Protein backbone atom coordinates (compact mmCIF):
# COMPACT_ATOMS: atom_id res chain seq x y z
CA MET A 1 7.05 -17.14 6.29
CA PRO A 2 5.06 -15.48 3.48
CA LEU A 3 3.73 -11.95 3.94
CA LYS A 4 0.06 -11.67 4.71
CA VAL A 5 -1.69 -9.15 2.47
CA ARG A 6 -3.92 -6.79 4.42
CA TYR A 7 -5.70 -5.36 1.39
CA SER A 8 -5.85 -5.94 -2.31
CA ILE A 9 -4.79 -2.38 -3.02
CA PHE A 10 -6.71 -0.34 -5.58
CA TYR A 11 -7.55 -3.08 -8.02
CA PRO A 12 -7.97 -2.03 -10.69
CA LEU A 13 -5.79 1.04 -10.30
CA ASP A 14 -7.11 4.20 -11.85
CA HIS A 15 -4.07 4.83 -14.06
CA VAL A 16 -4.31 3.96 -17.75
CA ASP A 17 -0.52 3.53 -18.13
CA GLY A 18 2.31 2.22 -15.98
CA ILE A 19 2.92 3.53 -12.47
CA SER A 20 6.48 4.80 -12.24
CA SER A 21 6.65 5.56 -8.52
CA PHE A 22 4.70 6.14 -5.32
CA SER A 23 5.19 8.06 -2.10
CA GLN A 24 3.42 8.31 1.22
CA ASN A 25 2.62 11.62 2.87
CA LYS A 26 5.01 11.94 5.81
CA LEU A 27 2.65 14.15 7.84
CA ASN A 28 -0.72 12.68 6.86
CA LYS A 29 0.19 9.00 6.62
CA ASN A 30 -3.27 8.21 5.22
CA HIS A 31 -2.34 9.72 1.82
CA LEU A 32 -0.50 7.69 -0.80
CA ALA A 33 0.43 9.23 -4.16
CA THR A 34 1.04 7.18 -7.30
CA VAL A 35 2.61 8.77 -10.37
CA SER A 36 2.28 7.43 -13.87
CA PHE A 37 3.34 7.68 -17.48
CA ASP A 38 -0.33 8.54 -18.21
CA LYS A 39 0.52 12.16 -17.10
CA THR A 40 -1.47 11.91 -13.87
CA ILE A 41 -0.89 11.69 -10.15
CA LYS A 42 -3.49 9.84 -8.09
CA ILE A 43 -3.87 10.50 -4.37
CA TYR A 44 -5.45 7.70 -2.35
CA ASP A 45 -6.78 7.59 1.18
CA LEU A 46 -5.32 4.47 2.76
CA ASN A 47 -8.09 4.21 5.37
CA SER A 48 -10.96 4.11 2.89
CA MET A 49 -8.84 2.72 0.01
CA LYS A 50 -10.46 5.34 -2.25
CA LEU A 51 -9.12 7.77 -4.83
CA ILE A 52 -9.41 11.26 -3.31
CA ASN A 53 -7.62 13.40 -5.91
CA ASN A 54 -6.53 13.25 -9.53
CA LEU A 55 -3.74 15.71 -10.41
CA THR A 56 -3.47 16.50 -14.12
CA GLU A 57 -1.04 19.44 -14.39
CA HIS A 58 1.81 17.47 -15.99
CA LYS A 59 1.79 17.48 -19.80
CA LYS A 60 3.77 14.23 -20.15
CA GLY A 61 4.45 11.15 -18.05
CA VAL A 62 5.43 11.60 -14.41
CA TRP A 63 8.51 9.81 -13.05
CA LYS A 64 8.84 10.73 -9.38
CA SER A 65 7.31 12.56 -6.46
CA ASP A 66 8.01 13.18 -2.80
CA TYR A 67 6.34 14.68 0.27
CA SER A 68 8.09 17.15 2.54
CA PRO A 69 8.96 15.69 5.95
CA ILE A 70 8.11 18.95 7.75
CA SER A 71 5.56 20.95 5.75
CA GLN A 72 2.45 20.51 3.62
CA ILE A 73 4.34 20.45 0.32
CA TYR A 74 4.33 17.70 -2.28
CA VAL A 75 6.64 17.82 -5.33
CA SER A 76 6.52 15.97 -8.66
CA GLY A 77 8.55 15.80 -11.86
CA GLY A 78 8.58 13.94 -15.14
CA ASN A 79 8.91 13.91 -18.91
CA ASP A 80 7.59 17.47 -19.34
CA ASN A 81 10.84 18.73 -17.70
CA GLN A 82 8.98 20.63 -15.00
CA ILE A 83 9.01 20.48 -11.23
CA ILE A 84 5.59 21.10 -9.71
CA LEU A 85 5.14 22.00 -6.05
CA TRP A 86 1.71 21.26 -4.62
CA ASP A 87 -0.04 22.17 -1.38
CA SER A 88 -0.61 18.72 0.11
CA THR A 89 -3.66 19.83 2.09
CA ASN A 90 -5.75 20.55 -1.03
CA TYR A 91 -3.37 19.47 -3.87
CA LYS A 92 -3.47 22.84 -5.62
CA VAL A 93 -0.35 23.97 -7.51
CA LYS A 94 1.87 26.31 -5.48
CA ASN A 95 4.66 26.70 -8.01
CA SER A 96 5.94 25.26 -11.30
CA ILE A 97 9.60 25.37 -12.33
CA ASN A 98 10.81 24.86 -15.89
CA TYR A 99 14.59 24.77 -15.49
CA HIS A 100 15.57 21.29 -16.66
CA LYS A 101 16.13 20.74 -20.40
CA ASP A 102 15.32 17.03 -20.15
CA ALA A 103 12.95 14.77 -18.25
CA ILE A 104 13.20 14.79 -14.47
CA TYR A 105 14.00 11.23 -13.43
CA ASP A 106 14.19 11.70 -9.69
CA LEU A 107 13.60 14.28 -6.99
CA LYS A 108 13.72 14.23 -3.20
CA PHE A 109 13.29 16.51 -0.23
CA SER A 110 16.25 16.95 2.09
CA THR A 111 15.81 15.37 5.53
CA ASN A 112 15.26 18.82 7.08
CA GLY A 113 12.64 19.63 4.40
CA ASN A 114 14.25 22.95 3.37
CA MET A 115 15.66 21.81 0.02
CA ILE A 116 14.78 19.66 -2.96
CA ALA A 117 17.19 17.79 -5.22
CA SER A 118 16.18 17.05 -8.81
CA CYS A 119 17.99 15.20 -11.57
CA SER A 120 17.62 14.81 -15.29
CA LYS A 121 19.77 12.99 -17.85
CA ASP A 122 22.86 15.14 -17.40
CA VAL A 123 22.30 17.50 -14.47
CA VAL A 124 21.55 17.38 -10.74
CA CYS A 125 20.13 20.50 -9.09
CA THR A 126 19.48 21.47 -5.51
CA TRP A 127 16.75 24.00 -4.74
CA ASP A 128 16.12 26.14 -1.67
CA LEU A 129 12.36 26.17 -1.02
CA LYS A 130 12.55 29.85 -0.06
CA ASN A 131 13.78 30.79 -3.54
CA MET A 132 12.85 28.43 -6.36
CA ASN A 133 13.70 30.92 -9.16
CA GLN A 134 17.19 29.47 -9.68
CA PRO A 135 18.84 26.30 -8.39
CA LEU A 136 21.13 26.63 -5.41
CA ASN A 137 23.66 24.22 -6.96
CA VAL A 138 24.00 22.61 -10.39
CA ILE A 139 26.13 19.55 -11.03
CA GLU A 140 26.55 18.86 -14.72
CA GLY A 141 27.27 15.41 -16.05
CA ASN A 142 29.07 14.07 -19.07
CA ASN A 143 26.98 13.59 -22.22
CA ASP A 144 29.65 11.41 -23.89
CA TYR A 145 27.78 8.29 -22.78
CA TYR A 146 24.49 9.19 -24.53
């Protein structure tokens, strides 16, 4: 049985380049974030199907983002090598971390919401939200394949 589409979502989307990922706010399920190679993050209200915020802090394309499962924190990362933590109530920047030497291809909150994992081409880092100055753990990969 084919799926029935409830809405034709955001057509046309407000991004001017490809969308690389999306995530739904785990506490306010009405918010959906899309991240794009156009350097922006768009926050949509799923009830009204309207754009409610346009985040432009990244200097290059954005690969991934995630919402905390327990607090009002949203995190993003991309080709500018930085991790940005946002307050998901007003989408203002809380913190910006420039640790990675390459693009951040993925990042996720832990299930308890106390840590973030981030990865670039050759390193995976875990971060304690209480102290984002240095990673808690760093796992380095092998560059022989690049």
